[in-house]
Each structure stands twice: as C-alpha cells, then as structure tokens.
PDB file of N, CA and C in Angstrom:
ATOM      1  N   MET A   1       0.821  -1.191   0.000  1.00  0.00           N
ATOM      2  CA  MET A   1       0.000   0.000   0.000  1.00  0.00           C
ATOM      3  C   MET A   1       0.873   1.266   0.000  1.00  0.00           C
ATOM      4  N   LYS A   2       1.945   1.248   0.811  1.00  0.00           N
ATOM      5  CA  LYS A   2       2.834   2.405   0.871  1.00  0.00           C
ATOM      6  C   LYS A   2       3.524   2.640  -0.465  1.00  0.00           C
ATOM      7  N   ILE A   3       3.818   1.584  -1.166  1.00  0.00           N
ATOM      8  CA  ILE A   3       4.482   1.713  -2.468  1.00  0.00           C
ATOM      9  C   ILE A   3       3.555   2.395  -3.469  1.00  0.00           C
ATOM     10  N   ILE A   4       2.286   2.032  -3.468  1.00  0.00           N
ATOM     11  CA  ILE A   4       1.320   2.628  -4.403  1.00  0.00           C
ATOM     12  C   ILE A   4       1.164   4.116  -4.124  1.00  0.00           C
ATOM     13  N   VAL A   5       1.050   4.480  -2.850  1.00  0.00           N
ATOM     14  CA  VAL A   5       0.920   5.888  -2.474  1.00  0.00           C
ATOM     15  C   VAL A   5       2.176   6.652  -2.892  1.00  0.00           C
ATOM     16  N   SER A   6       3.333   6.064  -2.676  1.00  0.00           N
ATOM     17  CA  SER A   6       4.598   6.707  -3.061  1.00  0.00           C
ATOM     18  C   SER A   6       4.661   6.928  -4.565  1.00  0.00           C
ATOM     19  N   ILE A   7       4.242   5.955  -5.323  1.00  0.00           N
ATOM     20  CA  ILE A   7       4.248   6.064  -6.789  1.00  0.00           C
ATOM     21  C   ILE A   7       3.285   7.156  -7.242  1.00  0.00           C
ATOM     22  N   LEU A   8       2.096   7.227  -6.654  1.00  0.00           N
ATOM     23  CA  LEU A   8       1.131   8.258  -7.013  1.00  0.00           C
ATOM     24  C   LEU A   8       1.645   9.657  -6.689  1.00  0.00           C
ATOM     25  N   VAL A   9       2.271   9.822  -5.536  1.00  0.00           N
ATOM     26  CA  VAL A   9       2.836  11.118  -5.153  1.00  0.00           C
ATOM     27  C   VAL A   9       3.949  11.506  -6.126  1.00  0.00           C
ATOM     28  N   LEU A  10       4.812  10.579  -6.446  1.00  0.00           N
ATOM     29  CA  LEU A  10       5.904  10.841  -7.376  1.00  0.00           C
ATOM     30  C   LEU A  10       5.378  11.208  -8.759  1.00  0.00           C
ATOM     31  N   ALA A  11       4.374  10.502  -9.233  1.00  0.00           N
ATOM     32  CA  ALA A  11       3.799  10.788 -10.547  1.00  0.00           C
ATOM     33  C   ALA A  11       3.159  12.171 -10.573  1.00  0.00           C
ATOM     34  N   SER A  12       2.443  12.524  -9.513  1.00  0.00           N
ATOM     35  CA  SER A  12       1.815  13.850  -9.492  1.00  0.00           C
ATOM     36  C   SER A  12       2.868  14.954  -9.438  1.00  0.00           C
ATOM     37  N   LEU A  13       3.951  14.757  -8.712  1.00  0.00           N
ATOM     38  CA  LEU A  13       5.029  15.755  -8.679  1.00  0.00           C
ATOM     39  C   LEU A  13       5.668  15.915 -10.056  1.00  0.00           C
ATOM     40  N   LEU A  14       5.844  14.826 -10.761  1.00  0.00           N
ATOM     41  CA  LEU A  14       6.406  14.903 -12.106  1.00  0.00           C
ATOM     42  C   LEU A  14       5.477  15.657 -13.051  1.00  0.00           C
ATOM     43  N   LEU A  15       4.194  15.419 -12.962  1.00  0.00           N
ATOM     44  CA  LEU A  15       3.231  16.126 -13.809  1.00  0.00           C
ATOM     45  C   LEU A  15       3.230  17.621 -13.513  1.00  0.00           C
ATOM     46  N   ILE A  16       3.269  17.974 -12.249  1.00  0.00           N
ATOM     47  CA  ILE A  16       3.265  19.388 -11.871  1.00  0.00           C
ATOM     48  C   ILE A  16       4.529  20.074 -12.356  1.00  0.00           C
ATOM     49  N   SER A  17       5.671  19.446 -12.147  1.00  0.00           N
ATOM     50  CA  SER A  17       6.927  20.074 -12.563  1.00  0.00           C
ATOM     51  C   SER A  17       7.022  20.199 -14.081  1.00  0.00           C
ATOM     52  N   SER A  18       6.495  19.229 -14.823  1.00  0.00           N
ATOM     53  CA  SER A  18       6.557  19.330 -16.280  1.00  0.00           C
ATOM     54  C   SER A  18       5.627  20.424 -16.797  1.00  0.00           C
ATOM     55  N   SER A  19       4.463  20.607 -16.156  1.00  0.00           N
ATOM     56  CA  SER A  19       3.566  21.672 -16.596  1.00  0.00           C
ATOM     57  C   SER A  19       4.146  23.042 -16.278  1.00  0.00           C
ATOM     58  N   LEU A  20       4.817  23.181 -15.147  1.00  0.00           N
ATOM     59  CA  LEU A  20       5.467  24.453 -14.814  1.00  0.00           C
ATOM     60  C   LEU A  20       6.608  24.744 -15.779  1.00  0.00           C
ATOM     61  N   ALA A  21       7.355  23.719 -16.140  1.00  0.00           N
ATOM     62  CA  ALA A  21       8.459  23.911 -17.067  1.00  0.00           C
ATOM     63  C   ALA A  21       7.961  24.331 -18.441  1.00  0.00           C
ATOM     64  N   SER A  22       6.874  23.734 -18.903  1.00  0.00           N
ATOM     65  CA  SER A  22       6.358  24.104 -20.225  1.00  0.00           C
ATOM     66  C   SER A  22       5.804  25.515 -20.209  1.00  0.00           C
ATOM     67  N   ALA A  23       5.194  25.956 -19.102  1.00  0.00           N
ATOM     68  CA  ALA A  23       4.686  27.325 -19.000  1.00  0.00           C
ATOM     69  C   ALA A  23       5.838  28.320 -19.022  1.00  0.00           C
ATOM     70  N   THR A  24       6.922  27.996 -18.334  1.00  0.00           N
ATOM     71  CA  THR A  24       8.088  28.872 -18.308  1.00  0.00           C
ATOM     72  C   THR A  24       8.722  28.970 -19.685  1.00  0.00           C
ATOM     73  N   ILE A  25       8.809  27.861 -20.388  1.00  0.00           N
ATOM     74  CA  ILE A  25       9.399  27.857 -21.721  1.00  0.00           C
ATOM     75  C   ILE A  25       8.546  28.664 -22.688  1.00  0.00           C
ATOM     76  N   SER A  26       7.223  28.528 -22.622  1.00  0.00           N
ATOM     77  CA  SER A  26       6.367  29.268 -23.545  1.00  0.00           C
ATOM     78  C   SER A  26       6.443  30.762 -23.270  1.00  0.00           C
ATOM     79  N   ASP A  27       6.553  31.177 -22.000  1.00  0.00           N
ATOM     80  CA  ASP A  27       6.702  32.597 -21.681  1.00  0.00           C
ATOM     81  C   ASP A  27       8.055  33.119 -22.141  1.00  0.00           C
ATOM     82  N   ALA A  28       9.085  32.290 -22.050  1.00  0.00           N
ATOM     83  CA  ALA A  28      10.415  32.730 -22.455  1.00  0.00           C
ATOM     84  C   ALA A  28      10.489  33.017 -23.949  1.00  0.00           C
ATOM     85  N   PHE A  29       9.668  32.352 -24.735  1.00  0.00           N
ATOM     86  CA  PHE A  29       9.698  32.562 -26.178  1.00  0.00           C
ATOM     87  C   PHE A  29       8.675  33.568 -26.654  1.00  0.00           C
ATOM     88  N   GLY A  30       8.097  34.331 -25.738  1.00  0.00           N
ATOM     89  CA  GLY A  30       7.279  35.468 -26.121  1.00  0.00           C
ATOM     90  C   GLY A  30       5.857  35.169 -26.514  1.00  0.00           C
ATOM     91  N   SER A  31       5.302  34.097 -26.040  1.00  0.00           N
ATOM     92  CA  SER A  31       3.931  33.787 -26.437  1.00  0.00           C
ATOM     93  C   SER A  31       2.939  34.800 -25.881  1.00  0.00           C
ATOM     94  N   GLY A  32       3.221  35.394 -24.728  1.00  0.00           N
ATOM     95  CA  GLY A  32       2.294  36.344 -24.143  1.00  0.00           C
ATOM     96  C   GLY A  32       2.963  37.672 -23.848  1.00  0.00           C
ATOM     97  N   ALA A  33       4.086  37.919 -24.466  1.00  0.00           N
ATOM     98  CA  ALA A  33       4.855  39.113 -24.152  1.00  0.00           C
ATOM     99  C   ALA A  33       4.236  40.365 -24.759  1.00  0.00           C
ATOM    100  N   VAL A  34       4.574  41.493 -24.177  1.00  0.00           N
ATOM    101  CA  VAL A  34       4.107  42.781 -24.666  1.00  0.00           C
ATOM    102  C   VAL A  34       4.931  43.170 -25.879  1.00  0.00           C
ATOM    103  N   ALA A  35       4.274  43.605 -26.931  1.00  0.00           N
ATOM    104  CA  ALA A  35       4.980  44.064 -28.121  1.00  0.00           C
ATOM    105  C   ALA A  35       5.594  45.429 -27.833  1.00  0.00           C
ATOM    106  N   PRO A  36       6.811  45.675 -28.267  1.00  0.00           N
ATOM    107  CA  PRO A  36       7.429  46.974 -28.016  1.00  0.00           C
ATOM    108  C   PRO A  36       6.779  48.067 -28.857  1.00  0.00           C
ATOM    109  N   ALA A  37       6.839  49.285 -28.340  1.00  0.00           N
ATOM    110  CA  ALA A  37       6.310  50.434 -29.080  1.00  0.00           C
ATOM    111  C   ALA A  37       7.183  50.682 -30.302  1.00  0.00           C
ATOM    112  N   PRO A  38       6.659  51.360 -31.301  1.00  0.00           N
ATOM    113  CA  PRO A  38       7.471  51.665 -32.481  1.00  0.00           C
ATOM    114  C   PRO A  38       8.654  52.548 -32.114  1.00  0.00           C
ATOM    115  N   GLN A  39       9.672  52.541 -32.955  1.00  0.00           N
ATOM    116  CA  GLN A  39      10.875  53.337 -32.698  1.00  0.00           C
ATOM    117  C   GLN A  39      10.564  54.820 -32.594  1.00  0.00           C
ATOM    118  N   SER A  40       9.603  55.273 -33.372  1.00  0.00           N
ATOM    119  CA  SER A  40       9.179  56.667 -33.325  1.00  0.00           C
ATOM    120  C   SER A  40       8.437  56.898 -32.017  1.00  0.00           C
ATOM    121  N   LYS A  41       8.984  57.737 -31.141  1.00  0.00           N
ATOM    122  CA  LYS A  41       8.414  57.932 -29.819  1.00  0.00           C
ATOM    123  C   LYS A  41       7.177  58.830 -29.824  1.00  0.00           C
ATOM    124  N   ASP A  42       6.979  59.607 -30.843  1.00  0.00           N
ATOM    125  CA  ASP A  42       5.828  60.499 -30.925  1.00  0.00           C
ATOM    126  C   ASP A  42       5.197  60.386 -32.300  1.00  0.00           C
ATOM    127  N   GLY A  43       4.089  61.069 -32.457  1.00  0.00           N
ATOM    128  CA  GLY A  43       3.489  61.201 -33.768  1.00  0.00           C
ATOM    129  C   GLY A  43       2.534  60.101 -34.139  1.00  0.00           C
ATOM    130  N   PRO A  44       2.227  60.048 -35.434  1.00  0.00           N
ATOM    131  CA  PRO A  44       1.187  59.148 -35.918  1.00  0.00           C
ATOM    132  C   PRO A  44       1.519  57.664 -35.754  1.00  0.00           C
ATOM    133  N   ALA A  45       2.790  57.296 -35.799  1.00  0.00           N
ATOM    134  CA  ALA A  45       3.137  55.878 -35.654  1.00  0.00           C
ATOM    135  C   ALA A  45       2.783  55.385 -34.253  1.00  0.00           C
ATOM    136  N   LEU A  46       3.089  56.189 -33.239  1.00  0.00           N
ATOM    137  CA  LEU A  46       2.761  55.813 -31.867  1.00  0.00           C
ATOM    138  C   LEU A  46       1.249  55.833 -31.656  1.00  0.00           C
ATOM    139  N   GLU A  47       0.567  56.832 -32.216  1.00  0.00           N
ATOM    140  CA  GLU A  47      -0.896  56.917 -32.084  1.00  0.00           C
ATOM    141  C   GLU A  47      -1.566  55.693 -32.702  1.00  0.00           C
ATOM    142  N   LYS A  48      -1.102  55.283 -33.882  1.00  0.00           N
ATOM    143  CA  LYS A  48      -1.680  54.120 -34.562  1.00  0.00           C
ATOM    144  C   LYS A  48      -1.420  52.856 -33.746  1.00  0.00           C
ATOM    145  N   TRP A  49      -0.181  52.717 -33.264  1.00  0.00           N
ATOM    146  CA  TRP A  49       0.191  51.535 -32.477  1.00  0.00           C
ATOM    147  C   TRP A  49      -0.642  51.459 -31.207  1.00  0.00           C
ATOM    148  N   CYS A  50      -0.758  52.598 -30.497  1.00  0.00           N
ATOM    149  CA  CYS A  50      -1.550  52.635 -29.262  1.00  0.00           C
ATOM    150  C   CYS A  50      -3.024  52.345 -29.550  1.00  0.00           C
ATOM    151  N   GLY A  51      -3.535  52.892 -30.649  1.00  0.00           N
ATOM    152  CA  GLY A  51      -4.930  52.646 -31.007  1.00  0.00           C
ATOM    153  C   GLY A  51      -5.216  51.175 -31.205  1.00  0.00           C
ATOM    154  N   GLN A  52      -4.315  50.480 -31.900  1.00  0.00           N
ATOM    155  CA  GLN A  52      -4.501  49.052 -32.151  1.00  0.00           C
ATOM    156  C   GLN A  52      -4.421  48.255 -30.852  1.00  0.00           C
ATOM    157  N   LYS A  53      -3.433  48.567 -30.020  1.00  0.00           N
ATOM    158  CA  LYS A  53      -3.256  47.844 -28.764  1.00  0.00           C
ATOM    159  C   LYS A  53      -4.428  48.097 -27.818  1.00  0.00           C
ATOM    160  N   CYS A  54      -4.901  49.333 -27.759  1.00  0.00           N
ATOM    161  CA  CYS A  54      -6.011  49.667 -26.860  1.00  0.00           C
ATOM    162  C   CYS A  54      -7.331  49.077 -27.354  1.00  0.00           C
ATOM    163  N   GLU A  55      -7.506  48.962 -28.663  1.00  0.00           N
ATOM    164  CA  GLU A  55      -8.706  48.299 -29.191  1.00  0.00           C
ATOM    165  C   GLU A  55      -8.762  46.863 -28.675  1.00  0.00           C
ATOM    166  N   GLY A  56      -7.640  46.180 -28.727  1.00  0.00           N
ATOM    167  CA  GLY A  56      -7.587  44.811 -28.217  1.00  0.00           C
ATOM    168  C   GLY A  56      -7.792  44.750 -26.723  1.00  0.00           C
ATOM    169  N   ARG A  57      -7.188  45.684 -25.997  1.00  0.00           N
ATOM    170  CA  ARG A  57      -7.296  45.708 -24.537  1.00  0.00           C
ATOM    171  C   ARG A  57      -8.731  45.998 -24.091  1.00  0.00           C
ATOM    172  N   CYS A  58      -9.427  46.859 -24.804  1.00  0.00           N
ATOM    173  CA  CYS A  58     -10.748  47.336 -24.377  1.00  0.00           C
ATOM    174  C   CYS A  58     -11.917  46.645 -25.080  1.00  0.00           C
ATOM    175  N   LYS A  59     -11.664  45.614 -25.872  1.00  0.00           N
ATOM    176  CA  LYS A  59     -12.740  45.035 -26.676  1.00  0.00           C
ATOM    177  C   LYS A  59     -13.869  44.445 -25.848  1.00  0.00           C
ATOM    178  N   GLU A  60     -13.624  44.047 -24.599  1.00  0.00           N
ATOM    179  CA  GLU A  60     -14.673  43.469 -23.761  1.00  0.00           C
ATOM    180  C   GLU A  60     -15.108  44.413 -22.645  1.00  0.00           C
ATOM    181  N   ALA A  61     -14.653  45.661 -22.674  1.00  0.00           N
ATOM    182  CA  ALA A  61     -14.967  46.610 -21.598  1.00  0.00           C
ATOM    183  C   ALA A  61     -16.431  47.010 -21.627  1.00  0.00           C
ATOM    184  N   GLY A  62     -16.999  47.236 -20.460  1.00  0.00           N
ATOM    185  CA  GLY A  62     -18.382  47.688 -20.367  1.00  0.00           C
ATOM    186  C   GLY A  62     -18.542  49.120 -20.854  1.00  0.00           C
ATOM    187  N   MET A  63     -17.558  49.960 -20.533  1.00  0.00           N
ATOM    188  CA  MET A  63     -17.554  51.357 -20.986  1.00  0.00           C
ATOM    189  C   MET A  63     -16.362  51.524 -21.920  1.00  0.00           C
ATOM    190  N   LYS A  64     -16.557  51.093 -23.147  1.00  0.00           N
ATOM    191  CA  LYS A  64     -15.456  51.025 -24.103  1.00  0.00           C
ATOM    192  C   LYS A  64     -14.840  52.393 -24.386  1.00  0.00           C
ATOM    193  N   ASP A  65     -15.655  53.439 -24.505  1.00  0.00           N
ATOM    194  CA  ASP A  65     -15.106  54.758 -24.806  1.00  0.00           C
ATOM    195  C   ASP A  65     -14.189  55.257 -23.691  1.00  0.00           C
ATOM    196  N   ARG A  66     -14.578  55.018 -22.452  1.00  0.00           N
ATOM    197  CA  ARG A  66     -13.741  55.428 -21.317  1.00  0.00           C
ATOM    198  C   ARG A  66     -12.468  54.591 -21.255  1.00  0.00           C
ATOM    199  N   CYS A  67     -12.595  53.296 -21.506  1.00  0.00           N
ATOM    200  CA  CYS A  67     -11.434  52.407 -21.520  1.00  0.00           C
ATOM    201  C   CYS A  67     -10.433  52.848 -22.579  1.00  0.00           C
ATOM    202  N   LEU A  68     -10.927  53.155 -23.791  1.00  0.00           N
ATOM    203  CA  LEU A  68     -10.045  53.585 -24.876  1.00  0.00           C
ATOM    204  C   LEU A  68      -9.355  54.901 -24.546  1.00  0.00           C
ATOM    205  N   LYS A  69     -10.080  55.809 -23.906  1.00  0.00           N
ATOM    206  CA  LYS A  69      -9.507  57.112 -23.551  1.00  0.00           C
ATOM    207  C   LYS A  69      -8.330  56.932 -22.594  1.00  0.00           C
ATOM    208  N   TYR A  70      -8.552  56.221 -21.496  1.00  0.00           N
ATOM    209  CA  TYR A  70      -7.499  56.071 -20.493  1.00  0.00           C
ATOM    210  C   TYR A  70      -6.391  55.136 -20.950  1.00  0.00           C
ATOM    211  N   CYS A  71      -6.732  54.139 -21.720  1.00  0.00           N
ATOM    212  CA  CYS A  71      -5.701  53.266 -22.279  1.00  0.00           C
ATOM    213  C   CYS A  71      -4.791  54.065 -23.204  1.00  0.00           C
ATOM    214  N   GLY A  72      -5.376  54.944 -24.034  1.00  0.00           N
ATOM    215  CA  GLY A  72      -4.592  55.780 -24.940  1.00  0.00           C
ATOM    216  C   GLY A  72      -3.662  56.716 -24.191  1.00  0.00           C
ATOM    217  N   ILE A  73      -4.164  57.321 -23.112  1.00  0.00           N
ATOM    218  CA  ILE A  73      -3.329  58.212 -22.299  1.00  0.00           C
ATOM    219  C   ILE A  73      -2.154  57.437 -21.711  1.00  0.00           C
ATOM    220  N   CYS A  74      -2.446  56.276 -21.138  1.00  0.00           N
ATOM    221  CA  CYS A  74      -1.396  55.467 -20.516  1.00  0.00           C
ATOM    222  C   CYS A  74      -0.402  54.940 -21.550  1.00  0.00           C
ATOM    223  N   CYS A  75      -0.896  54.557 -22.704  1.00  0.00           N
ATOM    224  CA  CYS A  75      -0.025  54.036 -23.749  1.00  0.00           C
ATOM    225  C   CYS A  75       0.950  55.102 -24.233  1.00  0.00           C
ATOM    226  N   LYS A  76       0.464  56.324 -24.421  1.00  0.00           N
ATOM    227  CA  LYS A  76       1.344  57.396 -24.889  1.00  0.00           C
ATOM    228  C   LYS A  76       2.407  57.734 -23.854  1.00  0.00           C
ATOM    229  N   ASP A  77       2.043  57.677 -22.576  1.00  0.00           N
ATOM    230  CA  ASP A  77       3.022  57.953 -21.521  1.00  0.00           C
ATOM    231  C   ASP A  77       3.997  56.796 -21.334  1.00  0.00           C
ATOM    232  N   CYS A  78       3.484  55.576 -21.331  1.00  0.00           N
ATOM    233  CA  CYS A  78       4.294  54.397 -20.997  1.00  0.00           C
ATOM    234  C   CYS A  78       4.885  53.695 -22.215  1.00  0.00           C
ATOM    235  N   GLN A  79       4.285  53.895 -23.368  1.00  0.00           N
ATOM    236  CA  GLN A  79       4.687  53.258 -24.619  1.00  0.00           C
ATOM    237  C   GLN A  79       4.630  51.732 -24.537  1.00  0.00           C
ATOM    238  N   CYS A  80       3.630  51.258 -23.804  1.00  0.00           N
ATOM    239  CA  CYS A  80       3.346  49.825 -23.783  1.00  0.00           C
ATOM    240  C   CYS A  80       1.917  49.627 -23.293  1.00  0.00           C
ATOM    241  N   VAL A  81       1.337  48.495 -23.681  1.00  0.00           N
ATOM    242  CA  VAL A  81      -0.004  48.101 -23.246  1.00  0.00           C
ATOM    243  C   VAL A  81       0.076  46.618 -22.925  1.00  0.00           C
ATOM    244  N   PRO A  82      -0.375  46.207 -21.735  1.00  0.00           N
ATOM    245  CA  PRO A  82      -0.332  44.782 -21.387  1.00  0.00           C
ATOM    246  C   PRO A  82      -1.194  43.941 -22.337  1.00  0.00           C
ATOM    247  N   SER A  83      -0.833  42.699 -22.499  1.00  0.00           N
ATOM    248  CA  SER A  83      -1.590  41.802 -23.369  1.00  0.00           C
ATOM    249  C   SER A  83      -2.913  41.413 -22.709  1.00  0.00           C
ATOM    250  N   GLY A  84      -3.850  40.982 -23.506  1.00  0.00           N
ATOM    251  CA  GLY A  84      -5.136  40.529 -22.992  1.00  0.00           C
ATOM    252  C   GLY A  84      -6.095  41.671 -22.730  1.00  0.00           C
ATOM    253  N   THR A  85      -7.283  41.309 -22.262  1.00  0.00           N
ATOM    254  CA  THR A  85      -8.306  42.311 -22.008  1.00  0.00           C
ATOM    255  C   THR A  85      -8.360  42.725 -20.551  1.00  0.00           C
ATOM    256  N   TYR A  86      -7.663  42.014 -19.664  1.00  0.00           N
ATOM    257  CA  TYR A  86      -7.693  42.335 -18.247  1.00  0.00           C
ATOM    258  C   TYR A  86      -6.447  41.760 -17.584  1.00  0.00           C
ATOM    259  N   GLY A  87      -5.935  42.456 -16.591  1.00  0.00           N
ATOM    260  CA  GLY A  87      -4.783  41.947 -15.857  1.00  0.00           C
ATOM    261  C   GLY A  87      -3.494  42.080 -16.647  1.00  0.00           C
ATOM    262  N   ASN A  88      -2.547  41.243 -16.369  1.00  0.00           N
ATOM    263  CA  ASN A  88      -1.232  41.198 -17.020  1.00  0.00           C
ATOM    264  C   ASN A  88      -0.463  42.510 -16.880  1.00  0.00           C
ATOM    265  N   LYS A  89      -0.797  43.328 -15.897  1.00  0.00           N
ATOM    266  CA  LYS A  89      -0.130  44.620 -15.751  1.00  0.00           C
ATOM    267  C   LYS A  89       1.330  44.472 -15.339  1.00  0.00           C
ATOM    268  N   HIS A  90       1.734  43.283 -14.899  1.00  0.00           N
ATOM    269  CA  HIS A  90       3.147  43.050 -14.580  1.00  0.00           C
ATOM    270  C   HIS A  90       4.026  43.184 -15.827  1.00  0.00           C
ATOM    271  N   GLU A  91       3.424  43.099 -17.006  1.00  0.00           N
ATOM    272  CA  GLU A  91       4.185  43.211 -18.256  1.00  0.00           C
ATOM    273  C   GLU A  91       4.619  44.651 -18.537  1.00  0.00           C
ATOM    274  N   CYS A  92       3.979  45.612 -17.906  1.00  0.00           N
ATOM    275  CA  CYS A  92       4.272  47.020 -18.163  1.00  0.00           C
ATOM    276  C   CYS A  92       4.189  47.773 -16.837  1.00  0.00           C
ATOM    277  N   ALA A  93       5.326  47.966 -16.188  1.00  0.00           N
ATOM    278  CA  ALA A  93       5.354  48.556 -14.848  1.00  0.00           C
ATOM    279  C   ALA A  93       4.785  49.974 -14.828  1.00  0.00           C
ATOM    280  N   CYS A  94       5.110  50.784 -15.814  1.00  0.00           N
ATOM    281  CA  CYS A  94       4.607  52.155 -15.872  1.00  0.00           C
ATOM    282  C   CYS A  94       3.092  52.152 -15.941  1.00  0.00           C
ATOM    283  N   TYR A  95       2.538  51.304 -16.773  1.00  0.00           N
ATOM    284  CA  TYR A  95       1.089  51.171 -16.946  1.00  0.00           C
ATOM    285  C   TYR A  95       0.451  50.745 -15.624  1.00  0.00           C
ATOM    286  N   ARG A  96       1.109  49.825 -14.933  1.00  0.00           N
ATOM    287  CA  ARG A  96       0.599  49.306 -13.665  1.00  0.00           C
ATOM    288  C   ARG A  96       0.631  50.363 -12.563  1.00  0.00           C
ATOM    289  N   ASP A  97       1.669  51.204 -12.543  1.00  0.00           N
ATOM    290  CA  ASP A  97       1.887  52.129 -11.434  1.00  0.00           C
ATOM    291  C   ASP A  97       1.211  53.481 -11.583  1.00  0.00           C
ATOM    292  N   LYS A  98       0.622  53.767 -12.728  1.00  0.00           N
ATOM    293  CA  LYS A  98      -0.065  55.053 -12.910  1.00  0.00           C
ATOM    294  C   LYS A  98      -1.326  55.094 -12.064  1.00  0.00           C
ATOM    295  N   LEU A  99      -1.505  56.201 -11.330  1.00  0.00           N
ATOM    296  CA  LEU A  99      -2.662  56.353 -10.458  1.00  0.00           C
ATOM    297  C   LEU A  99      -3.437  57.616 -10.813  1.00  0.00           C
ATOM    298  N   SER A 100      -4.737  57.574 -10.576  1.00  0.00           N
ATOM    299  CA  SER A 100      -5.572  58.756 -10.780  1.00  0.00           C
ATOM    300  C   SER A 100      -5.367  59.700  -9.588  1.00  0.00           C
ATOM    301  N   SER A 101      -6.000  60.863  -9.638  1.00  0.00           N
ATOM    302  CA  SER A 101      -5.878  61.816  -8.535  1.00  0.00           C
ATOM    303  C   SER A 101      -6.515  61.270  -7.251  1.00  0.00           C
ATOM    304  N   LYS A 102      -7.382  60.258  -7.398  1.00  0.00           N
ATOM    305  CA  LYS A 102      -8.017  59.640  -6.229  1.00  0.00           C
ATOM    306  C   LYS A 102      -7.215  58.475  -5.660  1.00  0.00           C
ATOM    307  N   GLY A 103      -6.087  58.164  -6.303  1.00  0.00           N
ATOM    308  CA  GLY A 103      -5.238  57.072  -5.833  1.00  0.00           C
ATOM    309  C   GLY A 103      -5.629  55.702  -6.344  1.00  0.00           C
ATOM    310  N   THR A 104      -6.554  55.652  -7.292  1.00  0.00           N
ATOM    311  CA  THR A 104      -6.954  54.377  -7.884  1.00  0.00           C
ATOM    312  C   THR A 104      -6.181  54.156  -9.180  1.00  0.00           C
ATOM    313  N   PRO A 105      -6.064  52.913  -9.649  1.00  0.00           N
ATOM    314  CA  PRO A 105      -5.345  52.671 -10.906  1.00  0.00           C
ATOM    315  C   PRO A 105      -5.966  53.463 -12.060  1.00  0.00           C
ATOM    316  N   LYS A 106      -5.115  54.122 -12.826  1.00  0.00           N
ATOM    317  CA  LYS A 106      -5.594  54.948 -13.937  1.00  0.00           C
ATOM    318  C   LYS A 106      -5.786  54.143 -15.208  1.00  0.00           C
ATOM    319  N   CYS A 107      -4.915  53.198 -15.425  1.00  0.00           N
ATOM    320  CA  CYS A 107      -4.887  52.472 -16.694  1.00  0.00           C
ATOM    321  C   CYS A 107      -5.739  51.201 -16.628  1.00  0.00           C
ATOM    322  N   PRO A 108      -6.572  50.992 -17.662  1.00  0.00           N
ATOM    323  CA  PRO A 108      -7.438  49.797 -17.673  1.00  0.00           C
ATOM    324  C   PRO A 108      -6.672  48.524 -17.988  1.00  0.00           C
TER     325      PRO A 108
END
C-alpha cells in the first residue's frame, strides 16, 4: 500500500513540474509578451500603435469609450499596453503604477 501511495505522489510531482516547465518555456519565447512600441516615440506611428493595442485591450470593456480614452493616455506615456483584455499589468510597470488623482489605478 505504501508503495502505491509513493508512486502516485511521485507521478503527481512529475506532472506538476513538467507543466510548470512548459509554462516557463512558452513565456520565455514570447507567447504572451508585450509588443514593443514603435521606434518613433511620438506622432502618428505611436498613435496608430496605441490605437490598435487599446482596441484589443478594451474590446470586452463595459464602458469602451472610457477604456479607450485612459488606455490611450497610458499608452502614450508608458509606450506599452499589457496583453489581454484584463490583468497582465506586470508586463508594463509604468502602466501598472499610474494612479488617478483619487489614488486608484488609472490604466485599464
């Protein structure tokens, strides 16, 4: 009985470690990484890039116009937008750390 329990514990540890390793490898190769802003720091290239990134970020927002407004402001200041429609703010520290005058997160 002890041998069976030991084998099951060992097998589950192997499965967990292999899934963690595959997640780390996929992140290392940029599967969910933030795309860098264009080389042009100002002007129409940055506006177009931010517009595209914010459209993706705000596509599921309840108040899409407000989301696009604040995402655009944050994108122009930070020159990055986190991937996905919610969360992932660890990908862009500036975006994560921006606060409104009330002390709440500014960037969606």
